[in-house]
Each structure stands twice: as C-alpha cells, then as structure tokens.
Protein backbone atom coordinates (compact mmCIF):
# COMPACT_ATOMS: atom_id res chain seq x y z
CA MET A 1 0.00 0.00 0.00
CA LYS A 2 1.35 3.39 -0.96
CA LEU A 3 1.01 6.28 1.49
CA SER A 4 0.24 9.77 0.34
CA LYS A 5 2.84 12.38 1.15
CA ILE A 6 0.44 13.93 3.68
CA ALA A 7 -0.23 10.60 5.39
CA LEU A 8 3.46 9.80 5.48
CA ALA A 9 4.26 13.19 6.94
CA LEU A 10 1.64 12.77 9.66
CA ALA A 11 2.94 9.29 10.45
CA THR A 12 6.46 10.59 10.68
CA LEU A 13 5.42 13.38 13.04
CA THR A 14 3.48 10.94 15.18
CA VAL A 15 6.21 8.36 15.68
CA ALA A 16 9.22 10.65 15.92
CA SER A 17 9.17 10.89 19.69
CA SER A 18 12.80 11.97 19.90
CA ALA A 19 13.91 15.14 18.20
CA LEU A 20 17.30 13.90 17.13
CA ALA A 21 18.38 10.43 18.21
CA HIS A 22 17.55 7.54 15.94
CA GLY A 23 19.10 4.22 14.98
CA TYR A 24 18.57 0.65 13.82
CA VAL A 25 20.55 -2.57 13.57
CA GLU A 26 21.98 -2.74 10.09
CA SER A 27 23.75 -6.10 10.37
CA PRO A 28 22.42 -8.67 10.88
CA ALA A 29 19.46 -6.71 9.51
CA SER A 30 16.76 -6.18 12.11
CA ARG A 31 13.10 -6.93 11.48
CA ALA A 32 12.40 -3.22 11.05
CA TYR A 33 15.37 -2.68 8.73
CA MET A 34 14.33 -5.72 6.68
CA CYS A 35 11.05 -3.85 6.16
CA LYS A 36 12.93 -0.85 4.79
CA LEU A 37 14.92 -3.15 2.50
CA GLY A 38 11.71 -4.70 1.18
CA LYS A 39 12.67 -8.16 2.48
CA ASN A 40 9.80 -8.08 4.98
CA ILE A 41 6.33 -7.10 3.79
CA ASP A 42 3.12 -5.77 5.36
CA CYS A 43 5.19 -3.78 7.85
CA GLY A 44 3.24 -0.54 7.97
CA THR A 45 4.96 2.80 8.44
CA VAL A 46 8.08 1.39 10.11
CA GLN A 47 9.38 0.65 6.60
CA TYR A 48 9.95 4.40 6.27
CA GLU A 49 11.49 4.88 9.72
CA PRO A 50 13.15 1.76 11.14
CA GLN A 51 15.36 4.10 13.18
CA SER A 52 12.46 5.35 15.31
CA VAL A 53 11.50 2.27 17.35
CA GLU A 54 12.07 4.16 20.63
CA ARG A 55 10.43 3.87 24.04
CA THR A 56 11.13 4.40 27.72
CA SER A 57 14.05 2.31 28.95
CA GLY A 58 13.00 -0.78 30.86
CA PHE A 59 13.95 -4.08 29.26
CA PRO A 60 14.20 -6.59 30.83
CA GLU A 61 13.36 -5.48 34.40
CA GLY A 62 10.89 -2.66 33.75
CA ALA A 63 7.35 -2.56 32.42
CA LEU A 64 8.23 -0.98 29.09
CA PRO A 65 8.25 -2.00 26.34
CA PRO A 66 5.16 -4.11 27.09
CA ASP A 67 5.31 -7.89 26.76
CA GLY A 68 3.81 -8.98 23.48
CA GLN A 69 4.90 -5.68 21.93
CA LEU A 70 8.67 -5.90 22.25
CA ALA A 71 9.40 -5.67 18.51
CA SER A 72 7.33 -2.49 18.14
CA ALA A 73 8.39 -1.13 21.55
CA GLY A 74 4.66 -0.67 22.19
CA ILE A 75 4.35 2.03 19.51
CA SER A 76 0.93 1.55 17.92
CA GLN A 77 2.05 2.77 14.49
CA TYR A 78 4.62 -0.03 14.43
CA SER A 79 2.33 -2.78 15.76
CA GLN A 80 2.77 -4.84 12.59
CA LEU A 81 6.26 -5.70 13.88
CA ASP A 82 4.69 -7.69 16.70
CA ARG A 83 3.20 -10.29 14.35
CA GLN A 84 4.94 -13.48 15.41
CA GLY A 85 5.20 -16.87 13.75
CA LEU A 86 7.71 -19.45 12.63
CA ASN A 87 7.64 -18.13 9.07
CA ALA A 88 6.40 -14.56 9.56
CA TRP A 89 9.74 -12.82 8.97
CA THR A 90 12.83 -13.10 6.82
CA LYS A 91 15.68 -14.65 8.80
CA THR A 92 19.44 -14.16 8.60
CA PRO A 93 21.54 -17.34 8.82
CA ILE A 94 23.93 -17.20 11.79
CA THR A 95 26.33 -19.45 13.68
CA ALA A 96 27.30 -19.51 17.33
CA GLY A 97 30.52 -17.80 18.37
CA LYS A 98 32.00 -14.48 17.32
CA ASN A 99 29.66 -12.32 15.22
CA THR A 100 29.75 -8.64 14.32
CA PHE A 101 26.64 -6.59 15.07
CA THR A 102 26.31 -3.10 13.58
CA TRP A 103 24.07 -0.31 14.82
CA TYR A 104 23.51 2.48 12.31
CA HIS A 105 22.88 5.75 14.15
CA THR A 106 21.08 8.20 11.90
CA ALA A 107 21.36 10.83 14.65
CA PRO A 108 23.72 9.72 17.45
CA HIS A 109 22.92 10.37 21.13
CA LYS A 110 25.14 10.03 24.16
CA THR A 111 25.00 6.38 25.08
CA VAL A 112 24.81 4.29 28.26
CA ASN A 113 25.31 0.98 26.47
CA TRP A 114 24.25 -1.43 23.74
CA ARG A 115 22.88 -4.79 24.94
CA TRP A 116 21.98 -8.02 23.13
CA TYR A 117 19.55 -10.67 24.39
CA ILE A 118 18.58 -13.99 22.77
CA THR A 119 15.56 -16.24 23.00
CA LYS A 120 15.80 -19.43 25.03
CA GLN A 121 16.41 -22.65 23.12
CA ASP A 122 12.90 -23.93 23.93
CA TRP A 123 11.02 -20.69 23.18
CA ASN A 124 7.80 -20.87 21.19
CA PRO A 125 8.22 -18.88 17.94
CA ASN A 126 4.46 -18.85 17.32
CA LYS A 127 3.70 -16.90 20.49
CA PRO A 128 4.16 -13.13 20.97
CA LEU A 129 7.59 -11.98 22.09
CA THR A 130 7.64 -11.63 25.86
CA ARG A 131 10.34 -11.30 28.49
CA ASP A 132 10.06 -14.93 29.55
CA GLN A 133 10.91 -15.97 25.96
CA PHE A 134 14.36 -14.36 26.33
CA GLU A 135 17.37 -15.02 28.51
CA SER A 136 17.32 -12.36 31.23
CA THR A 137 21.06 -11.68 30.95
CA PRO A 138 22.47 -10.12 27.76
CA PHE A 139 24.96 -12.30 25.93
CA CYS A 140 26.79 -9.11 24.95
CA SER A 141 27.01 -5.61 26.43
CA VAL A 142 29.12 -2.71 25.18
CA ASN A 143 29.67 0.38 27.32
CA GLY A 144 28.89 3.72 25.67
CA ASN A 145 30.79 5.79 28.27
CA ASN A 146 28.15 8.53 27.97
CA GLN A 147 29.65 9.56 24.65
CA ALA A 148 27.99 10.06 21.27
CA PRO A 149 28.89 7.09 19.03
CA VAL A 150 30.11 7.07 15.46
CA GLN A 151 27.39 6.81 12.85
CA ARG A 152 28.05 3.13 12.07
CA MET A 153 29.04 1.25 15.24
CA ALA A 154 30.30 -2.33 14.77
CA MET A 155 30.56 -4.57 17.85
CA ASP A 156 31.96 -8.10 18.11
CA CYS A 157 29.89 -10.39 20.32
CA ASN A 158 30.03 -14.09 21.18
CA VAL A 159 26.64 -15.54 20.34
CA PRO A 160 25.55 -18.57 22.39
CA GLN A 161 24.80 -21.88 20.71
CA ARG A 162 21.29 -22.46 19.51
CA THR A 163 19.43 -24.43 16.85
CA GLY A 164 16.77 -23.28 14.43
CA TYR A 165 14.90 -19.98 14.45
CA GLN A 166 15.75 -17.54 17.25
CA VAL A 167 15.23 -13.83 17.91
CA ILE A 168 17.97 -11.50 19.14
CA TYR A 169 16.70 -8.40 20.94
CA ALA A 170 19.00 -5.38 20.67
CA VAL A 171 18.74 -2.44 23.08
CA TRP A 172 20.50 0.91 22.63
CA GLU A 173 20.12 2.77 25.92
CA ILE A 174 20.47 6.56 25.71
CA ALA A 175 22.35 8.59 28.34
CA ASP A 176 20.76 12.02 28.04
CA THR A 177 17.13 10.88 27.83
CA THR A 178 15.14 8.19 29.64
CA ASN A 179 14.61 6.27 26.39
CA SER A 180 16.11 3.32 24.59
CA PHE A 181 15.90 2.08 21.01
CA TYR A 182 14.74 -1.50 20.45
CA GLN A 183 15.34 -3.84 17.52
CA ALA A 184 14.21 -7.44 17.02
CA ILE A 185 16.53 -9.49 14.79
CA ASP A 186 15.27 -12.75 13.26
CA VAL A 187 18.07 -15.31 12.83
CA ASP A 188 18.36 -18.96 11.89
CA PHE A 189 21.06 -21.22 13.38
CA GLY A 190 20.05 -24.21 11.29
CA ASN A 191 20.28 -27.60 12.97
CA GLY A 192 23.96 -27.64 13.91
CA GLY A 193 23.94 -26.11 17.37
CA ASN A 194 24.69 -29.42 19.16
CA VAL A 195 23.11 -28.07 22.34
CA THR A 196 19.88 -29.10 24.02
CA PRO A 197 18.47 -27.88 27.32
CA ASP A 198 19.01 -30.08 30.36
CA ASP A 199 16.56 -32.94 30.89
CA GLU A 200 15.25 -32.78 27.33
CA THR A 201 15.51 -35.24 24.49
CA PRO A 202 18.14 -34.15 21.95
CA ALA A 203 16.69 -32.67 18.80
CA VAL A 204 16.52 -34.88 15.73
CA VAL A 205 19.36 -34.09 13.36
CA SER A 206 17.92 -33.28 9.95
CA GLU A 207 19.62 -34.11 6.67
CA TRP A 208 18.92 -30.47 5.73
CA THR A 209 21.66 -28.92 7.83
CA LYS A 210 22.68 -25.74 6.01
CA THR A 211 20.54 -22.62 5.45
CA LEU A 212 21.21 -20.51 2.37
CA ASP A 213 21.38 -16.72 2.49
CA GLY A 214 18.12 -15.26 1.25
CA GLN A 215 14.57 -16.60 1.40
CA ILE A 216 11.61 -17.41 -0.81
CA SER A 217 9.62 -14.29 0.04
CA GLY A 218 8.99 -10.88 -1.44
CA ASN A 219 6.34 -8.46 -2.67
CA ASN A 220 2.71 -8.76 -3.66
CA ILE A 221 2.52 -9.06 -7.45
CA ASN A 222 -0.22 -9.10 -10.09
CA ALA A 223 -1.83 -11.85 -12.12
CA GLY A 224 0.31 -12.58 -15.17
CA ASP A 225 3.55 -11.58 -13.44
CA LYS A 226 6.34 -14.10 -13.07
CA VAL A 227 8.42 -14.72 -9.94
CA ILE A 228 11.76 -16.51 -10.28
CA ALA A 229 13.93 -18.27 -7.68
CA ARG A 230 17.63 -18.13 -8.59
CA PHE A 231 20.32 -20.11 -6.78
CA PHE A 232 24.00 -19.16 -6.52
CA ASP A 233 27.28 -20.82 -5.62
CA ALA A 234 30.75 -19.26 -5.44
CA ASN A 235 30.95 -19.13 -9.25
CA GLY A 236 27.62 -17.44 -9.88
CA GLU A 237 24.11 -18.61 -10.69
CA VAL A 238 23.38 -22.32 -10.98
CA THR A 239 20.92 -22.04 -13.84
CA SER A 240 19.79 -25.66 -13.64
CA LEU A 241 18.09 -24.83 -10.34
CA ARG A 242 16.25 -21.74 -11.59
CA THR A 243 12.54 -22.16 -10.87
CA GLU A 244 9.77 -19.94 -12.25
CA LEU A 245 6.15 -19.42 -11.28
CA THR A 246 3.64 -17.45 -13.34
CA VAL A 247 0.94 -15.98 -11.11
CA ALA A 248 -2.50 -17.04 -12.26
CA SER A 249 -4.72 -14.81 -10.14
CA ALA A 250 -4.77 -11.86 -7.78
CA SER A 251 -5.04 -14.18 -4.78
CA GLN A 252 -1.98 -16.15 -5.88
CA GLY A 253 -0.14 -12.85 -6.29
CA GLN A 254 -0.27 -12.27 -2.54
CA ALA A 255 3.26 -12.69 -1.17
CA SER A 256 2.20 -15.27 1.39
CA GLN A 257 0.58 -17.41 -1.32
CA TRP A 258 3.10 -17.31 -4.16
CA SER A 259 5.96 -17.98 -1.73
CA TYR A 260 4.14 -21.17 -0.69
CA ASP A 261 3.42 -22.19 -4.28
CA LEU A 262 6.97 -21.47 -5.43
CA ALA A 263 8.38 -23.46 -2.51
CA GLN A 264 6.19 -26.38 -3.56
CA ALA A 265 7.42 -26.08 -7.13
CA ILE A 266 11.08 -26.00 -6.12
CA ASN A 267 10.72 -29.02 -3.84
CA ALA A 268 8.96 -30.97 -6.59
CA ALA A 269 11.57 -30.13 -9.22
CA HIS A 270 14.83 -30.43 -7.28
CA SER A 271 16.01 -33.04 -4.81
CA ASP A 272 19.15 -31.22 -3.61
CA VAL A 273 17.37 -28.27 -1.99
CA ARG A 274 14.39 -28.07 0.32
CA VAL A 275 12.28 -24.94 0.81
CA GLY A 276 10.02 -24.22 3.75
CA VAL A 277 10.07 -24.21 7.54
CA LYS A 278 11.88 -26.95 9.47
CA ASP A 279 9.87 -28.64 12.20
CA GLU A 280 11.17 -30.33 15.35
CA SER A 281 11.57 -33.64 13.53
CA GLY A 282 13.88 -32.02 10.98
CA VAL A 283 11.36 -32.14 8.13
CA VAL A 284 11.09 -29.06 5.90
CA ASN A 285 7.62 -28.13 4.66
CA PRO A 286 6.48 -25.05 2.70
CA ALA A 287 4.54 -22.44 4.63
CA HIS A 288 2.44 -19.42 3.72
CA GLY A 289 4.98 -16.65 4.35
CA ALA A 290 8.76 -16.40 4.33
CA ASN A 291 10.32 -19.77 3.45
CA SER A 292 13.96 -20.62 4.11
CA VAL A 293 16.07 -22.71 1.75
CA TYR A 294 18.00 -25.67 3.16
CA VAL A 295 20.69 -27.85 1.62
CA LYS A 296 22.68 -30.85 2.81
CA ASP A 297 26.24 -30.94 4.12
CA GLY A 298 28.69 -30.68 1.24
CA SER A 299 26.44 -28.54 -0.95
CA THR A 300 28.28 -25.72 -2.75
CA LEU A 301 25.21 -23.50 -2.88
CA LYS A 302 25.54 -20.18 -1.06
CA SER A 303 22.41 -18.13 -1.57
CA VAL A 304 19.02 -17.73 -3.19
CA ALA A 305 17.48 -14.59 -4.68
CA ILE A 306 14.04 -13.67 -5.97
CA SER A 307 13.51 -11.73 -9.18
CA TYR A 308 10.37 -10.68 -11.02
CA GLU A 309 9.15 -10.31 -14.58
CA GLU A 310 6.16 -8.02 -14.35
CA GLN A 311 3.68 -7.50 -17.12
CA GLN A 312 3.44 -4.01 -18.49
CA ALA A 313 0.41 -2.36 -16.95
CA GLN A 314 -2.39 -1.74 -19.44
CA VAL A 315 -2.83 2.00 -19.90
CA SER A 316 -5.74 3.61 -21.71
CA GLU A 317 -4.54 7.19 -21.22
CA ASP A 318 -2.54 9.07 -23.86
CA ILE A 319 -0.73 12.38 -24.22
CA ALA A 320 0.71 14.55 -26.98
CA VAL A 321 3.00 17.54 -26.40
CA THR A 322 3.35 19.80 -29.44
CA ASN A 323 4.16 23.37 -30.58
CA VAL A 324 7.04 24.03 -28.20
CA ASN A 325 8.05 27.70 -28.31
CA PHE A 326 10.28 29.82 -26.10
CA SER A 327 10.93 33.49 -25.64
CA LYS A 328 14.22 35.34 -25.76
CA ILE A 329 15.91 35.83 -22.43
CA ALA A 330 15.27 39.17 -20.73
CA ASN A 331 17.00 39.98 -17.46
CA GLY A 332 17.66 36.28 -16.88
CA ASN A 333 14.00 35.31 -17.37
CA ALA A 334 12.23 33.50 -20.20
CA THR A 335 9.12 31.44 -20.87
CA VAL A 336 8.50 28.09 -22.57
CA THR A 337 5.05 27.51 -24.04
CA PHE A 338 3.68 24.29 -25.52
CA HIS A 339 0.38 22.55 -26.22
CA VAL A 340 -0.79 19.49 -24.25
CA ASN A 341 -3.52 17.15 -25.40
CA THR A 342 -4.51 14.29 -23.09
CA GLN A 343 -6.94 11.39 -23.31
CA GLY A 344 -8.14 10.41 -19.86
CA ASN A 345 -7.06 11.70 -16.48
CA VAL A 346 -3.31 12.38 -16.68
CA ASN A 347 -0.88 13.75 -14.12
CA PHE A 348 1.57 15.89 -16.07
CA GLU A 349 5.00 16.88 -14.73
CA ALA A 350 7.55 18.96 -16.63
CA HIS A 351 11.03 20.28 -15.88
CA VAL A 352 13.14 22.73 -17.87
CA MET A 353 16.87 22.22 -17.34
CA ASN A 354 19.95 23.91 -18.74
CA HIS A 355 22.78 22.07 -20.48
CA ALA A 356 24.41 21.20 -17.13
CA GLY A 357 21.15 19.74 -15.77
CA ALA A 358 20.21 22.58 -13.39
CA GLU A 359 16.45 23.06 -13.11
CA LYS A 360 15.21 26.44 -14.34
CA GLY A 361 11.46 25.86 -14.42
CA TYR A 362 8.90 23.34 -13.16
CA LEU A 363 5.22 22.49 -13.56
CA LYS A 364 2.98 19.72 -12.22
CA GLN A 365 -0.77 19.50 -12.68
CA ASP A 366 -3.65 17.11 -13.38
CA MET A 367 -5.02 17.24 -16.92
CA ASN A 368 -8.34 15.46 -17.45
CA ASN A 369 -9.01 15.16 -21.20
CA ALA A 370 -7.09 18.42 -21.59
CA ASN A 371 -6.54 20.36 -24.81
CA GLN A 372 -4.63 23.46 -23.73
CA ASP A 373 -1.53 25.59 -23.94
CA VAL A 374 0.86 25.46 -21.02
CA THR A 375 3.48 28.01 -19.99
CA ILE A 376 6.48 27.48 -17.72
CA ASN A 377 8.30 30.51 -16.38
CA LEU A 378 12.10 30.22 -16.34
CA THR A 379 14.40 32.12 -13.99
CA ASP A 380 18.15 32.68 -13.80
CA VAL A 381 18.72 31.44 -17.34
CA THR A 382 21.53 32.17 -19.77
CA ALA A 383 21.59 31.63 -23.50
CA GLY A 384 22.32 28.15 -24.78
CA HIS A 385 21.07 24.61 -24.78
CA HIS A 386 18.08 23.75 -22.56
CA MET A 387 15.84 20.70 -22.24
CA LEU A 388 12.11 20.33 -21.65
CA LYS A 389 11.66 16.97 -19.87
CA TYR A 390 8.14 15.75 -19.17
CA TYR A 391 6.49 12.72 -17.52
CA ALA A 392 2.89 11.50 -17.73
CA THR A 393 1.29 9.10 -15.24
CA ASN A 394 -2.26 7.86 -14.90
CA LYS A 395 -4.44 7.88 -11.77
CA ASP A 396 -2.93 4.54 -10.68
CA GLY A 397 0.54 6.07 -10.69
CA THR A 398 1.72 4.18 -13.79
CA LEU A 399 4.23 6.11 -15.87
CA PHE A 400 3.16 5.70 -19.51
CA ALA A 401 4.93 8.50 -21.37
CA GLN A 402 8.03 10.65 -21.09
CA ASP A 403 10.20 12.61 -23.47
CA VAL A 404 12.88 15.28 -23.64
CA ILE A 405 12.74 18.17 -26.10
CA ASP A 406 15.88 20.18 -26.82
CA MET A 407 15.74 23.97 -27.05
CA MET A 408 18.34 26.63 -27.85
CA LEU A 409 17.44 29.73 -25.85
CA GLU A 410 18.67 33.02 -27.26
CA GLY A 411 20.08 35.93 -25.29
CA GLU A 412 18.98 39.53 -25.13
CA ALA A 413 19.58 41.83 -28.10
CA ALA A 414 22.52 44.23 -27.82
CA SER A 415 22.18 48.00 -28.33
CA GLY A 416 21.54 48.87 -31.97
CA GLY A 417 19.35 45.80 -32.46
CA THR A 418 22.19 43.45 -33.40
CA ALA A 419 22.39 40.11 -31.60
CA LYS A 420 25.42 39.56 -29.38
CA TYR A 421 26.02 36.37 -31.31
CA ASP A 422 24.64 34.80 -34.46
CA TYR A 423 24.19 31.22 -33.34
CA THR A 424 24.47 28.90 -30.39
CA PHE A 425 27.01 26.20 -31.17
CA PRO A 426 26.42 23.71 -32.69
CA GLN A 427 23.70 24.81 -35.08
CA ASN A 428 22.17 22.67 -37.78
CA ILE A 429 24.07 24.26 -40.65
CA ALA A 430 26.93 22.84 -42.68
CA SER A 431 29.49 25.48 -41.78
CA TYR A 432 30.01 28.96 -40.39
CA LYS A 433 31.19 31.85 -42.54
CA SER A 434 34.14 34.01 -41.55
CA GLY A 435 33.06 36.58 -38.95
CA THR A 436 30.20 34.49 -37.53
CA VAL A 437 29.88 34.79 -33.72
CA VAL A 438 28.63 31.79 -31.74
CA LEU A 439 27.86 31.09 -28.09
CA GLN A 440 29.52 27.90 -26.81
CA PRO A 441 27.11 26.53 -24.14
CA LYS A 442 29.81 24.29 -22.69
CA ASP A 443 31.74 27.23 -21.27
CA GLY A 444 29.27 30.13 -21.76
CA LYS A 445 31.77 32.07 -23.89
CA THR A 446 31.43 33.55 -27.37
CA TYR A 447 33.76 32.81 -30.29
CA GLN A 448 34.17 34.38 -33.73
CA CYS A 449 35.00 32.41 -36.85
CA LYS A 450 38.21 33.58 -38.55
CA LYS A 451 39.32 32.98 -42.15
CA ALA A 452 40.51 29.41 -41.70
CA PRO A 453 40.94 26.53 -42.08
CA TYR A 454 38.71 25.57 -45.04
CA ASN A 455 38.33 28.32 -47.68
CA GLY A 456 37.27 30.88 -45.13
CA TYR A 457 34.80 28.65 -43.33
CA CYS A 458 34.84 27.27 -39.78
CA ILE A 459 33.53 23.74 -40.25
CA GLN A 460 30.98 22.60 -37.68
CA TYR A 461 32.39 19.70 -35.67
CA ALA A 462 30.97 16.22 -36.10
CA ALA A 463 31.19 13.03 -34.07
CA GLY A 464 34.76 11.77 -34.21
CA ALA A 465 35.98 14.98 -35.89
CA ASN A 466 35.52 17.81 -33.42
CA GLN A 467 39.06 19.15 -33.42
CA PHE A 468 37.79 22.58 -34.52
CA GLU A 469 35.00 22.89 -31.92
CA PRO A 470 35.37 26.39 -30.42
CA GLY A 471 37.05 26.38 -27.03
CA VAL A 472 37.09 22.58 -26.87
CA GLY A 473 38.71 20.95 -29.91
CA SER A 474 42.44 20.31 -30.07
CA HIS A 475 42.86 22.79 -32.96
CA TRP A 476 40.05 25.23 -32.29
CA THR A 477 42.39 28.25 -32.37
CA MET A 478 43.01 27.59 -36.06
CA ALA A 479 39.36 28.35 -36.75
CA TRP A 480 38.06 30.58 -33.94
CA THR A 481 38.92 33.64 -31.88
CA LEU A 482 37.69 34.02 -28.32
CA LYS A 483 35.58 37.18 -28.03
CA LYS A 484 36.46 39.40 -25.07
C-alpha cells in the first residue's frame, strides 16, 4: 500500500518521539530494517522509519516496552512488527561464536550501552515476544561511556549456541534521555547447534543442515507476473536450479501465497534443496509466508534470490506535447510555451533544465481530457542549450509516457538591435562563414569564426571529428577567436 505524502508526513510526526536520536541494527538486519529493505512485507509505516523504534528504557526489568509488543516497543504505528510466527519474517543465517553486530545511528545520542539478548532454546516462535521468551542476561554488552557514538558502530559479540529460528533483541540505551531504542533481529542457526536444554531429548538431526542466504519471500505481485527463484554458488548462478512461477490470479499474487506455491514447485523439481520451515523432527515443509532454503552438508550453494518479470500495466490514457516555443531571455527570465492534449485523467510533470542539468522551471498538474496551452516561467537562465523533460502518469501512478525536447534559448539583443552572437554552437548548418559569432554553451563564452581553415569557413564539428569545436577541440584556435 502506498502512502500519500500527507499521510506519510503525519505518520512521521506521530512516531518521531525523539527530536534527534535515531538508529537501527543494520547487520544482521533487524526486522524493522528488513522492512525498509523490502525483504519483509506488510510492515506498515516502520518501513519508512526503522530508526524510530524508541520507548522508555526498561527491558528486561521494567514494564516498558510491554510484553507482546517488544518488537514495536509498544508504539501503535509499528504494531505490525509484533506479528509473530515461525515463518512470519525473513531470517538471517547465523552461527554460534563471534559475530559482528552493527548499529547504524542516523542521529547519534550520548549512550549508556548497547545490549543483546537472545531467546531461550525452547522458546515458542508462534507466540508473541515476551520477556520470559528471552534469557534475562544479555549475551553481549558494550559500554557507551556517555559519549555520542560514530554513525556506524560495529561490535563483536560471542553468540551462544542455539538451533533453528531464534530472535535476538537489541537495546541501545540513551544517556541524556530516559529512552532506549529496540530492535528485534530474526536469525536462523540451522540444525547444527549441538546443544539441548538439560533434561530434554536431543533434537533430531535433519539431513537439511545448512541454510542458504536469502529466502523465498517478497512483494505482492499481479496476475500474469512471473516470480523466479535463482540459486547461486561461489561461481555465480546455478541455472539448472532456476525455478519460475507465473501468477494465475490476484489471490496467488499475494506474497504469502506465491511464496508457498513457489516453494512447492522447487521441492517438486529439485532433490538437492528443500524450501520451507523446518519442524522439530527435521522435516522441511512449505509455509504461507517467508520460506527458508535448506541444503545438505557438502552442498556448494551459497544463496538464493528472488527476481520478477512483471507484465506491463495496461494503460488507456494518452498524451501529446506539441508546438514548443520559447521566448528570448530578458533579465535572466524567459518562458516556454507548448500545447498538451490528453486522453483520460493524466498527471503531467515537466522540468526545464539547462545544459548542465540545473532546473530552471517546473510544472505539475492534473489534466483530465485536456486540450490546452501550457506556460512554464524560467528564472536565472543564460543563452544556450536547454531541455524540456516531461512525464505522464495515470491515476494509478503508472508512468506511460516521457520525453525530452531540446531547445536553444537566445540571449537579449545588444544595443543597436544586433544580436550579441549569431548562433548557439552547434547549429544545424553545414558550416560557419568568416566573422560568424557563436555562443559555446559548454563554457558560456562567445567565439568568432576567422578565415581558416577551409576556404574561409569554420567547419561545424561532427562526431569523431571535433578538433575545430570552439574552445574545446584540439585545434580550435586555427578556426576561432575568443571574443572578449
């Protein structure tokens, strides 16, 4: 779902409880940051502000953030983060031992510390995140010394042994406010942890022991679109494993459905990978949601990626832009006028830029079956090459037309009615006669053709033969004189 600019602005004002301090866990990517990356879906407004999951300090001893709302820190606008399930979120493969965790501080605050907690081995991933799901002691704590940190803060931590899906809860406690920032990180240890809680039966060791980077998950897509699973080893894509699914209906285009169907297709077609969620018996079955990809010991596969082939949206609207005219420059100002004819309701956007790409005029307006002249006022312009660039989108936001139209704006007339220069270079003529004055838009200077090198003419440069281009070519002084 796309938010309007107004809605997004209101959401941003609502959730930005701290004026300056913000941050998120960049690596391994937190649940909120995965939303920003597009690897988690149906996240709500946190996808625009993963750095703002901030609440009163209190984990694990205090009342805040509330149990069941740890991922969102109890912020209602971010409540989608609290959805919990074995396959609800994209997971990052991880192993026990030394790992580097990176906080990205978009606006650093003086810091008490950074702390990292992990779920207990026997936690229930289908229940909401609560304090009793986590170890009460952080497995890693880094002192902030009441100093403002660098923007990207990397910390090495020893992660305890676990198996399967776990959640790491990261806390950045601020020194000069009473708040902390909270980030849930979804990770997958696979089945190689070799540790079971006391007095419990050891977990069954699955033949599917290794988890690939990436998951079978992604965006909602439309009927007729194609989603493709691509597998990679150290040498690149293993094309024999590429698996495609063409979406047959709008319901199948929902991310939770096509990920299930594609997982089924991969499992049916290939015996050396298994896609889905691993249960306690070590069996991997597809699920409606994010599906991991498992391989056996000895596999050379490293990762999986999803790509799309989307059908071109059918557009009934049309637009024609004709009769482009422009005035001479007067006191740095000019106008560009053109005719616009539209069929249907069209959002029209136009920019006028100079040769260097600086914007000199702008227009945006809705045109419903329009047949009208349009004028754009230009400011701070100088003579030379300019471009009229326009875009046309329909009411659904689909871009269906765009074009760029070149213009050569002329300068003011000098006293006596004679132009300061005859042409802007290059002009669509075969050559310039001796005495001709041109404006070179590349440097804004004027040059006069002298009696050389070809029978009194200064030949216009061409591709691959621009040695006589005024002010630029290697031999331009043979043909031109710089005007003072």
